[in-house]
């Protein structure tokens, strides 16, 4: 039995893919410092466009939530920091006995996050931000154990799972939706998917192509070049079910999205092939810290 020295509190935010990254980084910190992990969910009270979606996974479903009193006090201190006087924030954190880890960049490792001395600190460790860097993740065994599904799929998805788990199958993720209207985001074009699927065909000449998207009608129109394709529908209200089906595939063509990144990361075949875009967004190269060993990239925006 581990002797827990205190708590790591992590602020959960964003969509499902981001929530998984946030949990994984905080879990690694909790294990490294011999502390228990709990959630601050106040972000979902402030920003109503996203929903907490982690109850479907084993580790998150057993992670307790920070008390509303403590999370409310922290939120009040954060509002003071943002709206009143930033100089007061460190004083309020010390009064609350909180050591806060802020995010400078999701793709740059913060040395303080790995400082061995924080394990001896008596302060509560508060993790804010979305760390999308392989260095932050716990071991693969720990990740897979934490993100096991709690509930069985419905009959329709169970039948799909049985089909995708048998023989060569390739998840292909196309993200459009919010990327079409969000400044700074870029939708991957058909050229990227043609190149990526050709890379897959070099290993698997005739796989089952499993297409996932928030715009399936558009995909049906534009992905006619994929023979033997299945277009997955019916899980719009339960995106974790699409993630389960993605992970059941042997190979993966991911979008510039943390959602399909996790679909590939949790994929059933450790020797499966994953293809990612060279540029995550039009003016942002895909960071090497996001690419697991063996993953390949192909040009994604105007042959960049």
Protein backbone atom coordinates (compact mmCIF):
# COMPACT_ATOMS: atom_id res chain seq x y z
CA UNK A 1 0.00 0.00 0.00
CA UNK A 2 1.43 3.38 -1.02
CA UNK A 3 1.79 5.97 1.72
CA UNK A 4 0.09 8.97 0.16
CA UNK A 5 1.71 12.22 1.28
CA UNK A 6 -0.99 14.57 0.06
CA UNK A 7 -2.91 15.43 -3.07
CA UNK A 8 -2.35 16.29 -6.69
CA UNK A 9 -5.36 18.28 -7.89
CA UNK A 10 -5.77 18.64 -11.64
CA UNK A 11 -8.07 21.00 -13.50
CA UNK A 12 -9.92 19.01 -16.16
CA UNK A 13 -10.97 20.94 -19.26
CA UNK A 14 -11.48 20.73 -23.02
CA UNK A 15 -12.76 17.88 -25.13
CA UNK A 16 -12.27 14.18 -24.50
CA UNK A 17 -8.80 13.96 -26.07
CA UNK A 18 -7.54 16.88 -24.00
CA UNK A 19 -9.15 15.46 -20.85
CA UNK A 20 -7.20 12.23 -21.37
CA UNK A 21 -3.90 14.10 -21.78
CA UNK A 22 -4.59 16.16 -18.66
CA UNK A 23 -5.44 13.11 -16.55
CA UNK A 24 -2.39 11.18 -17.78
CA UNK A 25 0.10 13.94 -16.92
CA UNK A 26 -1.40 14.49 -13.48
CA UNK A 27 -1.51 10.73 -12.81
CA UNK A 28 2.21 10.47 -13.60
CA UNK A 29 2.94 13.34 -11.19
CA UNK A 30 0.81 11.75 -8.47
CA UNK A 31 2.64 8.42 -8.84
CA UNK A 32 6.04 10.10 -8.92
CA UNK A 33 5.36 12.08 -5.72
CA UNK A 34 3.43 9.30 -3.94
CA UNK A 35 0.21 11.32 -3.71
CA UNK A 36 -3.46 10.73 -4.36
CA UNK A 37 -5.11 12.35 -7.39
CA UNK A 38 -8.34 14.31 -7.48
CA UNK A 39 -10.16 16.53 -9.98
CA UNK A 40 -11.15 20.18 -10.09
CA UNK A 41 -14.17 20.31 -12.44
CA UNK A 42 -15.06 23.99 -12.08
CA UNK A 43 -14.00 24.65 -15.69
CA UNK A 44 -17.20 22.96 -16.86
CA UNK A 45 -19.25 25.39 -14.78
CA UNK A 46 -17.64 28.35 -16.51
CA UNK A 47 -17.35 27.10 -20.09
CA UNK A 48 -20.55 25.37 -21.16
CA UNK A 49 -19.38 24.27 -24.62
CA UNK A 50 -17.58 21.18 -23.27
CA UNK A 51 -18.70 18.34 -21.00
CA UNK A 52 -16.84 16.17 -18.54
CA UNK A 53 -16.57 12.79 -20.32
CA UNK A 54 -14.18 10.70 -18.20
CA UNK A 55 -16.66 8.60 -16.23
CA UNK A 56 -16.39 5.93 -18.90
CA UNK A 57 -12.78 5.06 -18.02
CA UNK A 58 -11.56 2.98 -15.09
CA UNK A 59 -8.97 5.33 -13.58
CA UNK A 60 -10.91 8.59 -13.98
CA UNK A 61 -14.16 6.99 -12.78
CA UNK A 62 -12.45 6.20 -9.46
CA UNK A 63 -10.75 9.60 -9.12
CA UNK A 64 -12.46 11.72 -6.43
CA UNK A 65 -13.37 15.35 -7.00
CA UNK A 66 -11.90 18.22 -5.01
CA UNK A 67 -14.39 19.60 -2.53
CA UNK A 68 -16.58 22.40 -3.85
CA UNK A 69 -15.35 24.64 -1.01
CA UNK A 70 -11.68 24.20 -1.93
CA UNK A 71 -12.29 24.38 -5.68
CA UNK A 72 -14.49 27.45 -5.17
CA UNK A 73 -11.77 29.18 -3.15
CA UNK A 74 -9.21 28.38 -5.82
CA UNK A 75 -11.51 29.65 -8.57
CA UNK A 76 -12.02 32.89 -6.63
CA UNK A 77 -8.26 33.31 -6.28
CA UNK A 78 -7.83 32.67 -10.01
CA UNK A 79 -10.47 35.30 -10.89
CA UNK A 80 -8.60 37.79 -8.68
CA UNK A 81 -5.42 36.89 -10.58
CA UNK A 82 -7.04 37.43 -13.98
CA UNK A 83 -9.37 40.35 -13.29
CA UNK A 84 -8.05 42.28 -10.26
CA UNK A 85 -4.35 42.05 -9.40
CA UNK A 86 -1.95 39.31 -10.52
CA UNK A 87 0.36 40.11 -7.60
CA UNK A 88 -2.21 38.78 -5.14
CA UNK A 89 -2.35 35.30 -6.70
CA UNK A 90 0.91 33.92 -5.22
CA UNK A 91 -0.13 35.20 -1.80
CA UNK A 92 -3.53 33.53 -2.06
CA UNK A 93 -1.97 30.25 -3.21
CA UNK A 94 0.44 30.26 -0.28
CA UNK A 95 -2.45 30.99 2.09
CA UNK A 96 -4.24 27.95 0.60
CA UNK A 97 -1.00 25.92 0.85
CA UNK A 98 -1.08 25.28 -2.92
CA UNK A 99 1.87 24.85 -5.27
CA UNK A 100 0.59 25.51 -8.81
CA UNK A 101 2.01 24.14 -12.04
CA UNK A 102 0.95 26.36 -14.92
CA UNK A 103 1.24 25.48 -18.59
CA UNK A 104 3.76 27.53 -20.58
CA UNK A 105 3.34 25.43 -23.72
CA UNK A 106 1.70 22.03 -24.23
CA UNK A 107 4.80 20.85 -26.17
CA UNK A 108 7.63 22.10 -23.94
CA UNK A 109 8.66 20.16 -20.84
CA UNK A 110 8.61 22.22 -17.63
CA UNK A 111 11.63 21.23 -15.47
CA UNK A 112 9.79 22.13 -12.25
CA UNK A 113 7.20 19.45 -13.04
CA UNK A 114 9.95 16.83 -12.68
CA UNK A 115 11.86 18.43 -9.79
CA UNK A 116 12.48 15.61 -7.24
CA UNK A 117 12.19 18.06 -4.35
CA UNK A 118 8.45 18.63 -4.89
CA UNK A 119 7.81 15.14 -3.54
CA UNK A 120 8.82 16.37 -0.09
CA UNK A 121 6.66 19.49 -0.25
CA UNK A 122 3.81 19.74 2.25
CA UNK A 123 1.81 21.87 -0.19
CA UNK A 124 -1.03 20.62 -2.35
CA UNK A 125 0.14 20.26 -5.95
CA UNK A 126 -2.25 21.90 -8.40
CA UNK A 127 -1.89 21.09 -12.11
CA UNK A 128 -3.33 23.50 -14.66
CA UNK A 129 -3.07 23.31 -18.46
CA UNK A 130 -2.93 20.67 -21.16
CA UNK A 131 0.45 18.92 -21.50
CA UNK A 132 0.66 17.15 -24.86
CA UNK A 133 4.18 15.77 -24.61
CA UNK A 134 5.18 12.12 -24.37
CA UNK A 135 7.53 12.95 -21.48
CA UNK A 136 4.55 13.77 -19.26
CA UNK A 137 2.80 10.43 -19.74
CA UNK A 138 3.13 7.52 -17.31
CA UNK A 139 4.15 4.09 -18.59
CA UNK A 140 2.10 2.54 -21.38
CA UNK A 141 0.85 -0.15 -19.01
CA UNK A 142 -0.36 2.53 -16.59
CA UNK A 143 -2.05 4.49 -19.38
CA UNK A 144 -3.87 1.43 -20.71
CA UNK A 145 -4.96 0.39 -17.22
CA UNK A 146 -6.26 3.89 -16.43
CA UNK A 147 -8.19 4.18 -19.69
CA UNK A 148 -9.89 0.79 -19.72
CA UNK A 149 -13.58 1.15 -20.44
CA UNK A 150 -15.92 0.66 -17.50
CA UNK A 151 -19.08 -0.27 -19.39
CA UNK A 152 -19.72 -2.68 -22.23
CA UNK A 153 -20.68 -1.21 -25.62
CA UNK A 154 -24.19 -1.31 -26.99
CA UNK A 155 -25.08 -4.15 -29.35
CA UNK A 156 -24.48 -2.08 -32.49
CA UNK A 157 -20.98 -1.06 -31.34
CA UNK A 158 -20.27 -4.56 -30.05
CA UNK A 159 -20.86 -5.92 -33.54
CA UNK A 160 -18.62 -3.23 -34.99
CA UNK A 161 -15.88 -4.07 -32.48
CA UNK A 162 -15.96 -7.72 -33.46
CA UNK A 163 -15.60 -6.74 -37.11
CA UNK A 164 -12.80 -4.19 -36.58
CA UNK A 165 -10.80 -6.51 -34.30
CA UNK A 166 -10.74 -9.22 -36.96
CA UNK A 167 -8.17 -8.87 -39.72
CA UNK A 168 -6.49 -5.69 -40.98
CA UNK A 169 -8.49 -2.56 -40.26
CA UNK A 170 -7.54 1.13 -40.42
CA UNK A 171 -9.15 3.96 -38.46
CA UNK A 172 -9.29 7.17 -40.50
CA UNK A 173 -10.24 10.32 -38.56
CA UNK A 174 -11.44 13.53 -40.22
CA UNK A 175 -12.08 16.50 -37.94
CA UNK A 176 -14.06 19.39 -39.38
CA UNK A 177 -16.81 20.91 -37.21
CA UNK A 178 -15.21 23.43 -34.84
CA UNK A 179 -12.00 23.59 -36.91
CA UNK A 180 -13.93 25.24 -39.74
CA UNK A 181 -14.80 28.24 -37.55
CA UNK A 182 -12.01 28.39 -34.92
CA UNK A 183 -9.25 30.94 -35.65
CA UNK A 184 -5.82 29.32 -35.87
CA UNK A 185 -7.16 25.83 -36.58
CA UNK A 186 -6.86 24.21 -40.01
CA UNK A 187 -8.84 21.34 -41.54
CA UNK A 188 -6.73 18.67 -43.21
CA UNK A 189 -7.50 18.30 -46.90
CA UNK A 190 -8.18 15.26 -49.04
CA UNK A 191 -4.57 15.29 -50.32
CA UNK A 192 -3.32 14.44 -46.83
CA UNK A 193 -5.67 11.48 -46.56
CA UNK A 194 -4.77 10.19 -50.02
CA UNK A 195 -1.06 10.25 -49.11
CA UNK A 196 -1.62 8.75 -45.67
CA UNK A 197 -3.79 5.89 -46.94
CA UNK A 198 -1.25 5.12 -49.68
CA UNK A 199 1.37 4.66 -46.94
CA UNK A 200 -0.96 2.20 -45.22
CA UNK A 201 -1.59 0.34 -48.50
CA UNK A 202 2.14 -0.34 -48.83
CA UNK A 203 1.78 -2.66 -45.83
CA UNK A 204 -1.92 -3.61 -46.08
CA UNK A 205 -3.08 -3.69 -49.71
CA UNK A 206 -6.75 -4.33 -48.95
CA UNK A 207 -7.72 -3.39 -45.38
CA UNK A 208 -11.10 -2.45 -43.97
CA UNK A 209 -11.15 1.37 -43.83
CA UNK A 210 -13.08 2.65 -40.80
CA UNK A 211 -13.95 6.34 -41.17
CA UNK A 212 -14.68 8.51 -38.11
CA UNK A 213 -15.72 12.15 -38.35
CA UNK A 214 -17.93 14.91 -37.00
CA UNK A 215 -19.10 15.36 -40.61
CA UNK A 216 -19.84 11.91 -42.02
CA UNK A 217 -22.05 13.19 -44.91
CA UNK A 218 -19.07 15.21 -46.20
CA UNK A 219 -16.82 12.17 -45.85
CA UNK A 220 -19.21 9.94 -47.80
CA UNK A 221 -18.98 12.43 -50.67
CA UNK A 222 -15.19 12.88 -50.65
CA UNK A 223 -13.76 9.52 -49.62
CA UNK A 224 -14.93 7.43 -52.55
CA UNK A 225 -11.29 6.52 -53.21
CA UNK A 226 -11.42 4.20 -50.17
CA UNK A 227 -12.75 0.83 -51.26
CA UNK A 228 -14.23 -1.43 -48.56
CA UNK A 229 -14.96 1.49 -46.24
CA UNK A 230 -17.23 1.74 -43.19
CA UNK A 231 -18.50 5.16 -42.08
CA UNK A 232 -19.13 5.09 -38.33
CA UNK A 233 -22.28 6.87 -37.16
CA UNK A 234 -24.53 6.91 -34.12
CA UNK A 235 -22.06 7.84 -31.37
CA UNK A 236 -22.34 11.62 -31.56
CA UNK A 237 -23.56 11.87 -27.95
CA UNK A 238 -21.03 9.30 -26.73
CA UNK A 239 -17.66 10.14 -28.34
CA UNK A 240 -15.85 7.65 -26.11
CA UNK A 241 -17.56 4.91 -28.11
CA UNK A 242 -15.87 6.17 -31.28
CA UNK A 243 -12.60 6.14 -29.33
CA UNK A 244 -13.23 2.51 -28.33
CA UNK A 245 -13.86 1.60 -31.98
CA UNK A 246 -10.75 3.48 -33.15
CA UNK A 247 -8.62 1.60 -30.65
CA UNK A 248 -10.01 -1.69 -31.97
CA UNK A 249 -8.42 -1.04 -35.36
CA UNK A 250 -4.98 -2.35 -36.29
CA UNK A 251 -3.64 0.75 -38.09
CA UNK A 252 -4.48 4.43 -37.89
CA UNK A 253 -4.58 7.60 -39.96
CA UNK A 254 -5.02 10.37 -37.42
CA UNK A 255 -6.27 13.91 -37.85
CA UNK A 256 -4.69 16.97 -36.26
CA UNK A 257 -6.68 16.11 -33.16
CA UNK A 258 -5.88 14.78 -29.71
CA UNK A 259 -8.98 12.58 -30.05
CA UNK A 260 -7.60 10.36 -32.81
CA UNK A 261 -4.12 10.66 -31.27
CA UNK A 262 -5.53 8.70 -28.32
CA UNK A 263 -7.36 6.31 -30.63
CA UNK A 264 -3.99 5.37 -32.12
CA UNK A 265 -2.14 5.43 -28.79
CA UNK A 266 -4.62 2.94 -27.29
CA UNK A 267 -4.76 0.85 -30.47
CA UNK A 268 -4.94 -2.91 -30.17
CA UNK A 269 -1.81 -3.73 -32.17
CA UNK A 270 1.53 -2.44 -30.79
CA UNK A 271 3.06 -3.17 -34.21
CA UNK A 272 0.30 -1.37 -36.08
CA UNK A 273 1.13 1.56 -38.35
CA UNK A 274 0.10 5.12 -37.44
CA UNK A 275 0.30 7.98 -39.94
CA UNK A 276 0.11 11.60 -38.77
CA UNK A 277 0.24 14.99 -40.53
CA UNK A 278 3.64 16.70 -40.88
CA UNK A 279 1.99 20.01 -40.06
CA UNK A 280 -0.58 19.94 -37.25
CA UNK A 281 -2.05 23.23 -38.42
CA UNK A 282 -1.15 25.19 -41.53
CA UNK A 283 1.57 27.24 -39.80
CA UNK A 284 2.45 24.78 -37.04
CA UNK A 285 4.67 21.73 -37.65
CA UNK A 286 3.66 18.62 -35.76
CA UNK A 287 5.87 18.50 -32.66
CA UNK A 288 8.17 15.49 -32.43
CA UNK A 289 7.09 15.07 -28.79
CA UNK A 290 3.67 13.97 -30.09
CA UNK A 291 5.01 11.19 -32.29
CA UNK A 292 5.40 7.80 -30.68
CA UNK A 293 8.18 5.51 -31.83
CA UNK A 294 7.40 4.11 -35.27
CA UNK A 295 4.75 6.69 -36.18
CA UNK A 296 5.12 8.18 -39.67
CA UNK A 297 4.22 11.61 -41.03
CA UNK A 298 3.19 12.73 -44.51
CA UNK A 299 2.76 16.25 -45.97
CA UNK A 300 -0.46 17.85 -44.84
CA UNK A 301 -0.72 21.46 -46.03
CA UNK A 302 0.40 22.51 -49.51
CA UNK A 303 3.25 19.97 -49.44
CA UNK A 304 4.88 21.61 -46.43
